[in-house]
């Protein structure tokens, strides 16, 4: 797999920074509110809202809408959650054990379990969507076959109608050539046989 460009790496770092700032400021707002400082809490919340918008701007460049779909978003989420519970948090947990930081070990254990659940939820959603799309594909195939058959019948009936029109036109031309009108030709062809 190729290494992302420096700009992409910078956008990923900026996204991570804005995302962390958003959550950190929400946390600081909660602390300020608990301390009775409503004005400071509101300043932190307003800034946190701006950080979210900055993060979305970075995501628009990292994951352009034209290249995204719900299935692609689910796959990216599965990959991220799987990385968290198979590599990231186990490594963090191991280091926390080495440092004797039991609260961090407990936190990482909880995150490993939750990331595993999240990955399973996303995978189940993706599988369900795949089954729905497979079923829809069959329905759409039936519709396409129905439309194809209908079009063939319409085309066939137009050929018959065209042939019939050409035959009537030919009969009229022959009648005109013989000096009878089309109406006379029709009357003659529909006249009752004479009984002598």
N, C-alpha and C. Protein backbone atom coordinates (compact mmCIF):
# COMPACT_ATOMS: atom_id res chain seq x y z
N UNK A 1 0.85 -1.18 0.00
CA UNK A 1 0.00 0.00 0.00
C UNK A 1 0.89 1.24 0.00
N UNK A 2 0.55 2.24 -0.80
CA UNK A 2 1.38 3.43 -0.91
C UNK A 2 1.17 4.35 0.29
N UNK A 3 2.21 5.13 0.58
CA UNK A 3 2.14 6.10 1.67
C UNK A 3 1.33 7.29 1.20
N UNK A 4 0.38 7.77 2.04
CA UNK A 4 -0.40 8.94 1.64
C UNK A 4 0.50 10.17 1.46
N UNK A 5 0.06 11.10 0.65
CA UNK A 5 0.83 12.32 0.43
C UNK A 5 0.95 13.09 1.74
N UNK A 6 1.90 14.02 1.77
CA UNK A 6 2.10 14.84 2.96
C UNK A 6 0.83 15.64 3.27
N UNK A 7 0.18 16.14 2.24
CA UNK A 7 -1.05 16.91 2.45
C UNK A 7 -2.13 16.05 3.08
N UNK A 8 -2.28 14.82 2.61
CA UNK A 8 -3.28 13.92 3.21
C UNK A 8 -2.92 13.62 4.66
N UNK A 9 -1.65 13.37 4.93
CA UNK A 9 -1.21 13.14 6.31
C UNK A 9 -1.50 14.36 7.18
N UNK A 10 -1.27 15.56 6.63
CA UNK A 10 -1.55 16.78 7.38
C UNK A 10 -3.05 16.95 7.63
N UNK A 11 -3.87 16.63 6.62
CA UNK A 11 -5.32 16.71 6.81
C UNK A 11 -5.78 15.72 7.88
N UNK A 12 -5.21 14.51 7.89
CA UNK A 12 -5.56 13.52 8.91
C UNK A 12 -5.17 14.03 10.30
N UNK A 13 -3.98 14.62 10.42
CA UNK A 13 -3.53 15.17 11.70
C UNK A 13 -4.41 16.34 12.13
N UNK A 14 -4.76 17.20 11.17
CA UNK A 14 -5.63 18.35 11.48
C UNK A 14 -7.01 17.87 11.91
N UNK A 15 -7.53 16.85 11.21
CA UNK A 15 -8.83 16.29 11.60
C UNK A 15 -8.77 15.74 13.02
N UNK A 16 -7.71 14.99 13.32
CA UNK A 16 -7.56 14.43 14.67
C UNK A 16 -7.49 15.55 15.70
N UNK A 17 -6.72 16.60 15.40
CA UNK A 17 -6.59 17.72 16.34
C UNK A 17 -7.91 18.44 16.58
N UNK A 18 -8.64 18.70 15.50
CA UNK A 18 -9.94 19.39 15.63
C UNK A 18 -10.94 18.51 16.39
N UNK A 19 -10.91 17.21 16.11
CA UNK A 19 -11.82 16.28 16.80
C UNK A 19 -11.51 16.23 18.28
N UNK A 20 -10.22 16.16 18.61
CA UNK A 20 -9.83 16.14 20.03
C UNK A 20 -10.20 17.44 20.72
N UNK A 21 -9.98 18.56 20.02
CA UNK A 21 -10.32 19.85 20.61
C UNK A 21 -11.81 19.92 20.90
N UNK A 22 -12.62 19.44 19.97
CA UNK A 22 -14.08 19.44 20.17
C UNK A 22 -14.46 18.70 21.45
N UNK A 23 -13.98 17.48 21.59
CA UNK A 23 -14.34 16.69 22.77
C UNK A 23 -13.74 17.30 24.04
N UNK A 24 -12.50 17.75 23.95
CA UNK A 24 -11.85 18.36 25.12
C UNK A 24 -12.63 19.58 25.58
N UNK A 25 -13.05 20.43 24.64
CA UNK A 25 -13.80 21.64 25.02
C UNK A 25 -15.18 21.30 25.57
N UNK A 26 -15.80 20.24 25.06
CA UNK A 26 -17.07 19.77 25.65
C UNK A 26 -16.84 19.33 27.09
N UNK A 27 -15.76 18.64 27.32
CA UNK A 27 -15.42 18.20 28.68
C UNK A 27 -15.13 19.41 29.58
N UNK A 28 -14.37 20.38 29.08
CA UNK A 28 -14.08 21.58 29.87
C UNK A 28 -15.36 22.36 30.17
N UNK A 29 -16.29 22.38 29.20
CA UNK A 29 -17.58 23.05 29.43
C UNK A 29 -18.33 22.37 30.57
N UNK A 30 -18.32 21.04 30.58
CA UNK A 30 -18.98 20.30 31.66
C UNK A 30 -18.34 20.63 33.01
N UNK A 31 -17.00 20.67 33.05
CA UNK A 31 -16.32 21.01 34.31
C UNK A 31 -16.67 22.43 34.75
N UNK A 32 -16.68 23.37 33.81
CA UNK A 32 -17.00 24.76 34.15
C UNK A 32 -18.43 24.87 34.67
N UNK A 33 -19.35 24.17 34.04
CA UNK A 33 -20.75 24.21 34.47
C UNK A 33 -20.90 23.61 35.87
N UNK A 34 -20.21 22.50 36.13
CA UNK A 34 -20.25 21.87 37.45
C UNK A 34 -19.68 22.79 38.52
N UNK A 35 -18.73 23.66 38.11
CA UNK A 35 -18.13 24.62 39.05
C UNK A 35 -18.98 25.87 39.18
N UNK A 36 -20.09 25.94 38.43
CA UNK A 36 -20.99 27.08 38.51
C UNK A 36 -20.64 28.23 37.58
N UNK A 37 -19.74 28.02 36.66
CA UNK A 37 -19.31 29.08 35.74
C UNK A 37 -19.96 28.86 34.37
N UNK A 38 -21.20 29.30 34.25
CA UNK A 38 -22.00 29.10 33.03
C UNK A 38 -21.42 29.85 31.83
N UNK A 39 -20.91 31.06 32.05
CA UNK A 39 -20.35 31.84 30.94
C UNK A 39 -19.17 31.12 30.29
N UNK A 40 -18.26 30.59 31.10
CA UNK A 40 -17.11 29.87 30.56
C UNK A 40 -17.56 28.59 29.86
N UNK A 41 -18.56 27.91 30.43
CA UNK A 41 -19.09 26.69 29.81
C UNK A 41 -19.61 27.00 28.41
N UNK A 42 -20.34 28.11 28.26
CA UNK A 42 -20.88 28.48 26.94
C UNK A 42 -19.78 28.83 25.94
N UNK A 43 -18.72 29.48 26.40
CA UNK A 43 -17.60 29.80 25.51
C UNK A 43 -16.96 28.50 25.00
N UNK A 44 -16.74 27.54 25.91
CA UNK A 44 -16.17 26.27 25.49
C UNK A 44 -17.09 25.55 24.50
N UNK A 45 -18.40 25.56 24.76
CA UNK A 45 -19.34 24.86 23.86
C UNK A 45 -19.39 25.52 22.48
N UNK A 46 -19.37 26.85 22.44
CA UNK A 46 -19.39 27.55 21.14
C UNK A 46 -18.13 27.23 20.35
N UNK A 47 -17.00 27.19 21.03
CA UNK A 47 -15.75 26.88 20.34
C UNK A 47 -15.75 25.41 19.89
N UNK A 48 -16.29 24.54 20.72
CA UNK A 48 -16.37 23.12 20.35
C UNK A 48 -17.19 22.95 19.07
N UNK A 49 -18.29 23.70 18.94
CA UNK A 49 -19.11 23.64 17.73
C UNK A 49 -18.30 24.05 16.50
N UNK A 50 -17.46 25.07 16.65
CA UNK A 50 -16.62 25.51 15.52
C UNK A 50 -15.59 24.44 15.16
N UNK A 51 -15.05 23.77 16.18
CA UNK A 51 -14.06 22.72 15.91
C UNK A 51 -14.69 21.58 15.10
N UNK A 52 -15.96 21.27 15.37
CA UNK A 52 -16.65 20.23 14.60
C UNK A 52 -16.72 20.63 13.12
N UNK A 53 -17.05 21.88 12.86
CA UNK A 53 -17.14 22.34 11.48
C UNK A 53 -15.78 22.27 10.79
N UNK A 54 -14.71 22.60 11.53
CA UNK A 54 -13.37 22.48 10.95
C UNK A 54 -13.08 21.02 10.61
N UNK A 55 -13.42 20.11 11.53
CA UNK A 55 -13.18 18.67 11.31
C UNK A 55 -13.96 18.19 10.08
N UNK A 56 -15.21 18.62 9.93
CA UNK A 56 -15.99 18.23 8.76
C UNK A 56 -15.35 18.73 7.47
N UNK A 57 -14.79 19.94 7.50
CA UNK A 57 -14.10 20.47 6.33
C UNK A 57 -12.94 19.57 5.92
N UNK A 58 -12.19 19.08 6.92
CA UNK A 58 -11.08 18.18 6.63
C UNK A 58 -11.59 16.84 6.08
N UNK A 59 -12.69 16.35 6.66
CA UNK A 59 -13.26 15.08 6.19
C UNK A 59 -13.74 15.18 4.74
N UNK A 60 -14.28 16.34 4.37
CA UNK A 60 -14.72 16.52 2.98
C UNK A 60 -13.56 16.32 2.00
N UNK A 61 -12.36 16.67 2.44
CA UNK A 61 -11.18 16.50 1.57
C UNK A 61 -10.60 15.09 1.67
N UNK A 62 -10.69 14.49 2.86
CA UNK A 62 -10.16 13.14 3.05
C UNK A 62 -11.07 12.07 2.43
N UNK A 63 -12.37 12.30 2.51
CA UNK A 63 -13.36 11.34 2.01
C UNK A 63 -14.36 12.07 1.12
N UNK A 64 -13.95 12.45 -0.09
CA UNK A 64 -14.85 13.22 -0.97
C UNK A 64 -16.18 12.47 -1.19
N UNK A 65 -17.26 13.21 -1.13
CA UNK A 65 -18.59 12.62 -1.25
C UNK A 65 -18.76 11.83 -2.55
N UNK A 66 -18.13 12.29 -3.61
CA UNK A 66 -18.27 11.61 -4.91
C UNK A 66 -17.69 10.20 -4.88
N UNK A 67 -16.78 9.93 -3.95
CA UNK A 67 -16.16 8.61 -3.87
C UNK A 67 -16.68 7.79 -2.69
N UNK A 68 -17.66 8.31 -1.99
CA UNK A 68 -18.17 7.62 -0.80
C UNK A 68 -19.56 7.05 -1.07
N UNK A 69 -19.87 6.01 -0.32
CA UNK A 69 -21.20 5.39 -0.33
C UNK A 69 -21.41 4.87 1.08
N UNK A 70 -22.64 4.54 1.45
CA UNK A 70 -22.84 3.95 2.78
C UNK A 70 -21.99 2.69 2.99
N UNK A 71 -21.88 1.86 1.95
CA UNK A 71 -21.08 0.63 2.07
C UNK A 71 -19.61 0.96 2.30
N UNK A 72 -19.10 1.95 1.57
CA UNK A 72 -17.69 2.34 1.75
C UNK A 72 -17.47 2.92 3.14
N UNK A 73 -18.40 3.74 3.62
CA UNK A 73 -18.28 4.31 4.97
C UNK A 73 -18.29 3.20 6.02
N UNK A 74 -19.16 2.21 5.84
CA UNK A 74 -19.19 1.08 6.79
C UNK A 74 -17.87 0.31 6.76
N UNK A 75 -17.31 0.10 5.58
CA UNK A 75 -16.04 -0.63 5.47
C UNK A 75 -14.93 0.13 6.18
N UNK A 76 -14.87 1.45 6.01
CA UNK A 76 -13.86 2.27 6.68
C UNK A 76 -14.04 2.19 8.19
N UNK A 77 -15.29 2.23 8.64
CA UNK A 77 -15.58 2.14 10.08
C UNK A 77 -15.16 0.78 10.63
N UNK A 78 -15.44 -0.29 9.90
CA UNK A 78 -15.05 -1.64 10.34
C UNK A 78 -13.53 -1.72 10.47
N UNK A 79 -12.83 -1.20 9.47
CA UNK A 79 -11.37 -1.22 9.51
C UNK A 79 -10.84 -0.45 10.72
N UNK A 80 -11.41 0.72 10.98
CA UNK A 80 -10.97 1.54 12.11
C UNK A 80 -11.22 0.87 13.45
N UNK A 81 -12.43 0.35 13.63
CA UNK A 81 -12.76 -0.31 14.90
C UNK A 81 -11.94 -1.58 15.09
N UNK A 82 -11.71 -2.32 14.01
CA UNK A 82 -10.91 -3.55 14.09
C UNK A 82 -9.47 -3.21 14.49
N UNK A 83 -8.93 -2.16 13.90
CA UNK A 83 -7.58 -1.71 14.28
C UNK A 83 -7.54 -1.36 15.77
N UNK A 84 -8.57 -0.69 16.26
CA UNK A 84 -8.59 -0.29 17.67
C UNK A 84 -8.54 -1.50 18.60
N UNK A 85 -9.37 -2.53 18.33
CA UNK A 85 -9.41 -3.64 19.29
C UNK A 85 -8.34 -4.70 19.05
N UNK A 86 -7.73 -4.72 17.85
CA UNK A 86 -6.70 -5.74 17.60
C UNK A 86 -5.27 -5.21 17.78
N UNK A 87 -5.07 -3.91 17.57
CA UNK A 87 -3.71 -3.38 17.63
C UNK A 87 -3.55 -2.22 18.61
N UNK A 88 -4.31 -1.15 18.41
CA UNK A 88 -4.09 0.07 19.16
C UNK A 88 -4.28 -0.11 20.67
N UNK A 89 -5.49 -0.48 21.08
CA UNK A 89 -5.74 -0.59 22.52
C UNK A 89 -4.95 -1.71 23.18
N UNK A 90 -4.76 -2.87 22.54
CA UNK A 90 -3.91 -3.88 23.18
C UNK A 90 -2.49 -3.37 23.43
N UNK A 91 -1.94 -2.60 22.48
CA UNK A 91 -0.60 -2.03 22.68
C UNK A 91 -0.62 -1.03 23.83
N UNK A 92 -1.62 -0.16 23.85
CA UNK A 92 -1.74 0.82 24.93
C UNK A 92 -1.89 0.11 26.28
N UNK A 93 -2.70 -0.94 26.29
CA UNK A 93 -2.95 -1.71 27.52
C UNK A 93 -1.64 -2.31 28.03
N UNK A 94 -0.88 -2.91 27.14
CA UNK A 94 0.40 -3.54 27.51
C UNK A 94 1.33 -2.50 28.15
N UNK A 95 1.41 -1.33 27.55
CA UNK A 95 2.28 -0.27 28.09
C UNK A 95 1.77 0.23 29.43
N UNK A 96 0.45 0.32 29.59
CA UNK A 96 -0.13 0.76 30.87
C UNK A 96 0.17 -0.25 31.97
N UNK A 97 0.13 -1.54 31.62
CA UNK A 97 0.49 -2.59 32.60
C UNK A 97 1.94 -2.41 33.03
N UNK A 98 2.83 -2.20 32.05
CA UNK A 98 4.24 -2.01 32.36
C UNK A 98 4.47 -0.82 33.30
N UNK A 99 3.66 0.22 33.14
CA UNK A 99 3.79 1.41 33.98
C UNK A 99 3.03 1.28 35.30
N UNK A 100 2.23 0.21 35.41
CA UNK A 100 1.45 0.03 36.62
C UNK A 100 0.25 0.98 36.73
N UNK A 101 -0.26 1.43 35.60
CA UNK A 101 -1.38 2.36 35.59
C UNK A 101 -2.68 1.55 35.45
N UNK A 102 -3.18 1.07 36.58
CA UNK A 102 -4.37 0.20 36.57
C UNK A 102 -5.63 0.89 36.04
N UNK A 103 -5.87 2.17 36.38
CA UNK A 103 -7.06 2.81 35.80
C UNK A 103 -7.00 2.87 34.27
N UNK A 104 -5.81 3.10 33.71
CA UNK A 104 -5.69 3.13 32.24
C UNK A 104 -5.90 1.74 31.67
N UNK A 105 -5.40 0.70 32.35
CA UNK A 105 -5.60 -0.67 31.89
C UNK A 105 -7.10 -0.96 31.82
N UNK A 106 -7.82 -0.60 32.86
CA UNK A 106 -9.27 -0.83 32.89
C UNK A 106 -9.97 -0.06 31.77
N UNK A 107 -9.55 1.18 31.53
CA UNK A 107 -10.13 1.99 30.45
C UNK A 107 -9.87 1.34 29.10
N UNK A 108 -8.64 0.89 28.86
CA UNK A 108 -8.31 0.26 27.59
C UNK A 108 -9.06 -1.06 27.41
N UNK A 109 -9.24 -1.83 28.49
CA UNK A 109 -10.02 -3.07 28.41
C UNK A 109 -11.45 -2.78 27.96
N UNK A 110 -12.02 -1.74 28.54
CA UNK A 110 -13.38 -1.34 28.16
C UNK A 110 -13.45 -0.93 26.70
N UNK A 111 -12.44 -0.19 26.24
CA UNK A 111 -12.41 0.26 24.85
C UNK A 111 -12.21 -0.88 23.87
N UNK A 112 -11.41 -1.87 24.27
CA UNK A 112 -11.23 -3.05 23.41
C UNK A 112 -12.57 -3.74 23.19
N UNK A 113 -13.31 -3.94 24.29
CA UNK A 113 -14.61 -4.61 24.19
C UNK A 113 -15.59 -3.79 23.35
N UNK A 114 -15.63 -2.49 23.57
CA UNK A 114 -16.56 -1.64 22.82
C UNK A 114 -16.19 -1.56 21.34
N UNK A 115 -14.91 -1.46 21.05
CA UNK A 115 -14.49 -1.40 19.64
C UNK A 115 -14.84 -2.69 18.92
N UNK A 116 -14.69 -3.82 19.62
CA UNK A 116 -15.07 -5.11 19.03
C UNK A 116 -16.57 -5.12 18.73
N UNK A 117 -17.37 -4.63 19.67
CA UNK A 117 -18.84 -4.56 19.46
C UNK A 117 -19.18 -3.63 18.30
N UNK A 118 -18.51 -2.48 18.24
CA UNK A 118 -18.79 -1.53 17.16
C UNK A 118 -18.47 -2.15 15.80
N UNK A 119 -17.31 -2.81 15.72
CA UNK A 119 -16.94 -3.45 14.44
C UNK A 119 -17.98 -4.49 14.05
N UNK A 120 -18.45 -5.27 15.02
CA UNK A 120 -19.47 -6.30 14.74
C UNK A 120 -20.78 -5.65 14.29
N UNK A 121 -21.16 -4.54 14.91
CA UNK A 121 -22.39 -3.85 14.51
C UNK A 121 -22.28 -3.32 13.08
N UNK A 122 -21.14 -2.69 12.79
CA UNK A 122 -20.94 -2.18 11.43
C UNK A 122 -20.92 -3.32 10.41
N UNK A 123 -20.27 -4.43 10.75
CA UNK A 123 -20.19 -5.57 9.84
C UNK A 123 -21.59 -6.14 9.60
N UNK A 124 -22.39 -6.26 10.67
CA UNK A 124 -23.75 -6.77 10.53
C UNK A 124 -24.59 -5.84 9.64
N UNK A 125 -24.41 -4.54 9.82
CA UNK A 125 -25.13 -3.56 9.00
C UNK A 125 -24.72 -3.68 7.53
N UNK A 126 -23.41 -3.82 7.30
CA UNK A 126 -22.92 -3.97 5.93
C UNK A 126 -23.44 -5.26 5.30
N UNK A 127 -23.43 -6.36 6.06
CA UNK A 127 -23.94 -7.63 5.55
C UNK A 127 -25.43 -7.54 5.22
N UNK A 128 -26.17 -6.88 6.11
CA UNK A 128 -27.61 -6.71 5.89
C UNK A 128 -27.86 -5.88 4.63
N UNK A 129 -27.07 -4.82 4.48
CA UNK A 129 -27.22 -3.96 3.29
C UNK A 129 -26.87 -4.76 2.03
N UNK A 130 -25.83 -5.58 2.11
CA UNK A 130 -25.44 -6.39 0.94
C UNK A 130 -26.56 -7.34 0.55
N UNK A 131 -27.21 -7.95 1.55
CA UNK A 131 -28.32 -8.86 1.25
C UNK A 131 -29.50 -8.10 0.63
N UNK A 132 -29.76 -6.89 1.17
CA UNK A 132 -30.85 -6.07 0.62
C UNK A 132 -30.55 -5.71 -0.82
N UNK A 133 -29.30 -5.30 -1.08
CA UNK A 133 -28.94 -4.92 -2.44
C UNK A 133 -28.99 -6.12 -3.38
N UNK A 134 -28.61 -7.30 -2.89
CA UNK A 134 -28.68 -8.52 -3.72
C UNK A 134 -30.14 -8.81 -4.06
N UNK A 135 -31.02 -8.68 -3.07
CA UNK A 135 -32.45 -8.91 -3.32
C UNK A 135 -32.99 -7.85 -4.29
N UNK A 136 -32.58 -6.61 -4.10
CA UNK A 136 -33.02 -5.55 -5.01
C UNK A 136 -32.51 -5.80 -6.43
N UNK A 137 -31.30 -6.31 -6.54
CA UNK A 137 -30.75 -6.60 -7.87
C UNK A 137 -31.62 -7.63 -8.58
N UNK A 138 -32.11 -8.63 -7.84
CA UNK A 138 -32.98 -9.64 -8.46
C UNK A 138 -34.30 -9.02 -8.90
N UNK A 139 -34.85 -8.16 -8.05
CA UNK A 139 -36.10 -7.48 -8.41
C UNK A 139 -35.88 -6.61 -9.64
N UNK A 140 -34.78 -5.86 -9.63
CA UNK A 140 -34.50 -4.99 -10.78
C UNK A 140 -34.27 -5.81 -12.05
N UNK A 141 -33.67 -6.99 -11.91
CA UNK A 141 -33.48 -7.86 -13.08
C UNK A 141 -34.83 -8.31 -13.63
N UNK A 142 -35.76 -8.66 -12.72
CA UNK A 142 -37.12 -9.05 -13.17
C UNK A 142 -37.79 -7.87 -13.88
N UNK A 143 -37.65 -6.67 -13.31
CA UNK A 143 -38.24 -5.49 -13.95
C UNK A 143 -37.64 -5.28 -15.33
N UNK A 144 -36.32 -5.39 -15.43
CA UNK A 144 -35.65 -5.19 -16.72
C UNK A 144 -36.13 -6.22 -17.75
N UNK A 145 -36.26 -7.47 -17.32
CA UNK A 145 -36.75 -8.51 -18.25
C UNK A 145 -38.18 -8.22 -18.68
N UNK A 146 -39.01 -7.77 -17.73
CA UNK A 146 -40.40 -7.43 -18.05
C UNK A 146 -40.44 -6.29 -19.07
N UNK A 147 -39.62 -5.25 -18.83
CA UNK A 147 -39.58 -4.13 -19.77
C UNK A 147 -39.07 -4.56 -21.13
N UNK A 148 -38.07 -5.43 -21.17
CA UNK A 148 -37.52 -5.93 -22.43
C UNK A 148 -38.58 -6.69 -23.20
N UNK A 149 -39.34 -7.58 -22.49
CA UNK A 149 -40.40 -8.35 -23.15
C UNK A 149 -41.50 -7.43 -23.67
N UNK A 150 -41.86 -6.44 -22.86
CA UNK A 150 -42.91 -5.49 -23.27
C UNK A 150 -42.46 -4.71 -24.50
N UNK A 151 -41.20 -4.26 -24.48
CA UNK A 151 -40.68 -3.53 -25.63
C UNK A 151 -40.69 -4.39 -26.89
N UNK A 152 -40.33 -5.67 -26.74
CA UNK A 152 -40.34 -6.58 -27.89
C UNK A 152 -41.76 -6.72 -28.44
N UNK A 153 -42.77 -6.83 -27.55
CA UNK A 153 -44.16 -6.94 -28.01
C UNK A 153 -44.60 -5.66 -28.71
N UNK A 154 -44.22 -4.51 -28.15
CA UNK A 154 -44.59 -3.23 -28.77
C UNK A 154 -43.94 -3.12 -30.14
N UNK A 155 -42.67 -3.45 -30.22
CA UNK A 155 -41.98 -3.39 -31.52
C UNK A 155 -42.62 -4.35 -32.52
N UNK A 156 -42.97 -5.55 -32.08
CA UNK A 156 -43.61 -6.52 -32.97
C UNK A 156 -44.96 -6.01 -33.46
N UNK A 157 -45.74 -5.42 -32.57
CA UNK A 157 -47.06 -4.92 -32.98
C UNK A 157 -46.91 -3.73 -33.92
N UNK A 158 -45.85 -2.94 -33.76
CA UNK A 158 -45.62 -1.82 -34.68
C UNK A 158 -45.24 -2.33 -36.06
N UNK A 159 -44.50 -3.42 -36.13
CA UNK A 159 -44.14 -4.01 -37.42
C UNK A 159 -45.40 -4.52 -38.11
N UNK A 160 -46.27 -5.20 -37.34
CA UNK A 160 -47.53 -5.71 -37.91
C UNK A 160 -48.38 -4.55 -38.39
N UNK A 161 -48.48 -3.50 -37.58
CA UNK A 161 -49.29 -2.34 -37.97
C UNK A 161 -48.71 -1.68 -39.21
N UNK A 162 -47.39 -1.59 -39.29
CA UNK A 162 -46.74 -0.99 -40.45
C UNK A 162 -47.01 -1.83 -41.70
N UNK A 163 -46.88 -3.15 -41.56
CA UNK A 163 -47.15 -4.04 -42.70
C UNK A 163 -48.60 -3.91 -43.15
N UNK A 164 -49.50 -3.81 -42.18
CA UNK A 164 -50.93 -3.67 -42.49
C UNK A 164 -51.18 -2.35 -43.20
N UNK A 165 -50.56 -1.29 -42.73
CA UNK A 165 -50.73 0.03 -43.37
C UNK A 165 -50.19 0.00 -44.79
N UNK A 166 -49.04 -0.66 -44.96
CA UNK A 166 -48.45 -0.74 -46.30
C UNK A 166 -49.36 -1.54 -47.23
N UNK A 167 -50.00 -2.60 -46.72
CA UNK A 167 -50.90 -3.42 -47.55
C UNK A 167 -52.12 -2.61 -47.96
N UNK A 168 -52.68 -1.82 -47.02
CA UNK A 168 -53.84 -0.98 -47.34
C UNK A 168 -53.43 0.06 -48.36
N UNK A 169 -52.26 0.67 -48.14
CA UNK A 169 -51.79 1.69 -49.08
C UNK A 169 -51.57 1.07 -50.46
N UNK A 170 -51.05 -0.13 -50.51
CA UNK A 170 -50.81 -0.81 -51.79
C UNK A 170 -52.15 -1.11 -52.48
N UNK A 171 -53.13 -1.57 -51.67
CA UNK A 171 -54.45 -1.85 -52.24
C UNK A 171 -55.10 -0.60 -52.79
N UNK A 172 -54.95 0.52 -52.09
CA UNK A 172 -55.51 1.79 -52.56
C UNK A 172 -54.82 2.21 -53.84
N UNK A 173 -53.53 2.05 -53.91
CA UNK A 173 -52.78 2.42 -55.12
C UNK A 173 -53.23 1.59 -56.32
N UNK A 174 -53.43 0.31 -56.11
CA UNK A 174 -53.88 -0.56 -57.20
C UNK A 174 -55.29 -0.18 -57.63
N UNK A 175 -56.15 0.14 -56.67
CA UNK A 175 -57.53 0.53 -57.02
C UNK A 175 -57.52 1.82 -57.81
N UNK A 176 -56.71 2.76 -57.42
CA UNK A 176 -56.62 4.03 -58.13
C UNK A 176 -56.11 3.78 -59.55
N UNK A 177 -55.13 2.88 -59.66
CA UNK A 177 -54.58 2.57 -60.98
C UNK A 177 -55.65 1.95 -61.87
N UNK A 178 -56.61 1.20 -61.31
CA UNK A 178 -57.68 0.57 -62.09
C UNK A 178 -58.84 1.51 -62.31
N UNK A 179 -58.76 2.70 -61.72
CA UNK A 179 -59.82 3.68 -61.92
C UNK A 179 -60.91 3.60 -60.88
N UNK A 180 -60.73 2.87 -59.79
CA UNK A 180 -61.72 2.84 -58.73
C UNK A 180 -61.15 3.54 -57.51
N UNK A 181 -62.00 4.09 -56.73
CA UNK A 181 -61.53 4.76 -55.52
C UNK A 181 -61.29 3.72 -54.44
N UNK A 182 -60.61 4.13 -53.42
CA UNK A 182 -60.34 3.26 -52.28
C UNK A 182 -61.66 2.85 -51.64
N UNK A 183 -62.62 3.80 -51.58
CA UNK A 183 -63.92 3.49 -51.00
C UNK A 183 -64.64 2.45 -51.85
N UNK A 184 -64.55 2.59 -53.20
CA UNK A 184 -65.18 1.61 -54.07
C UNK A 184 -64.54 0.24 -53.89
N UNK A 185 -63.20 0.26 -53.75
CA UNK A 185 -62.47 -1.00 -53.57
C UNK A 185 -62.91 -1.65 -52.27
N UNK A 186 -63.11 -0.86 -51.24
CA UNK A 186 -63.53 -1.41 -49.96
C UNK A 186 -64.95 -1.94 -50.06
N UNK A 187 -65.84 -1.17 -50.75
CA UNK A 187 -67.24 -1.62 -50.88
C UNK A 187 -67.29 -2.92 -51.67
N UNK A 188 -66.49 -2.99 -52.70
CA UNK A 188 -66.49 -4.19 -53.51
C UNK A 188 -66.00 -5.39 -52.72
N UNK A 189 -64.94 -5.15 -51.90
CA UNK A 189 -64.40 -6.27 -51.15
C UNK A 189 -65.34 -6.68 -50.03
N UNK A 190 -66.19 -5.75 -49.55
CA UNK A 190 -67.11 -6.09 -48.46
C UNK A 190 -68.54 -6.32 -48.95
N UNK A 191 -68.78 -6.22 -50.23
CA UNK A 191 -70.13 -6.39 -50.76
C UNK A 191 -70.56 -7.84 -50.64
N UNK A 192 -71.82 -8.03 -50.40
CA UNK A 192 -72.35 -9.40 -50.29
C UNK A 192 -72.29 -10.03 -51.67
N UNK A 193 -72.02 -11.29 -51.72
CA UNK A 193 -71.99 -11.94 -53.04
C UNK A 193 -73.37 -11.89 -53.69
N UNK A 194 -73.41 -11.69 -54.95
CA UNK A 194 -74.68 -11.61 -55.63
C UNK A 194 -75.22 -13.01 -55.88
N UNK A 195 -76.50 -13.08 -55.71
CA UNK A 195 -77.14 -14.40 -55.94
C UNK A 195 -77.91 -14.28 -57.27
N UNK A 196 -77.62 -15.07 -58.23
CA UNK A 196 -78.30 -15.03 -59.55
C UNK A 196 -79.37 -16.05 -59.63
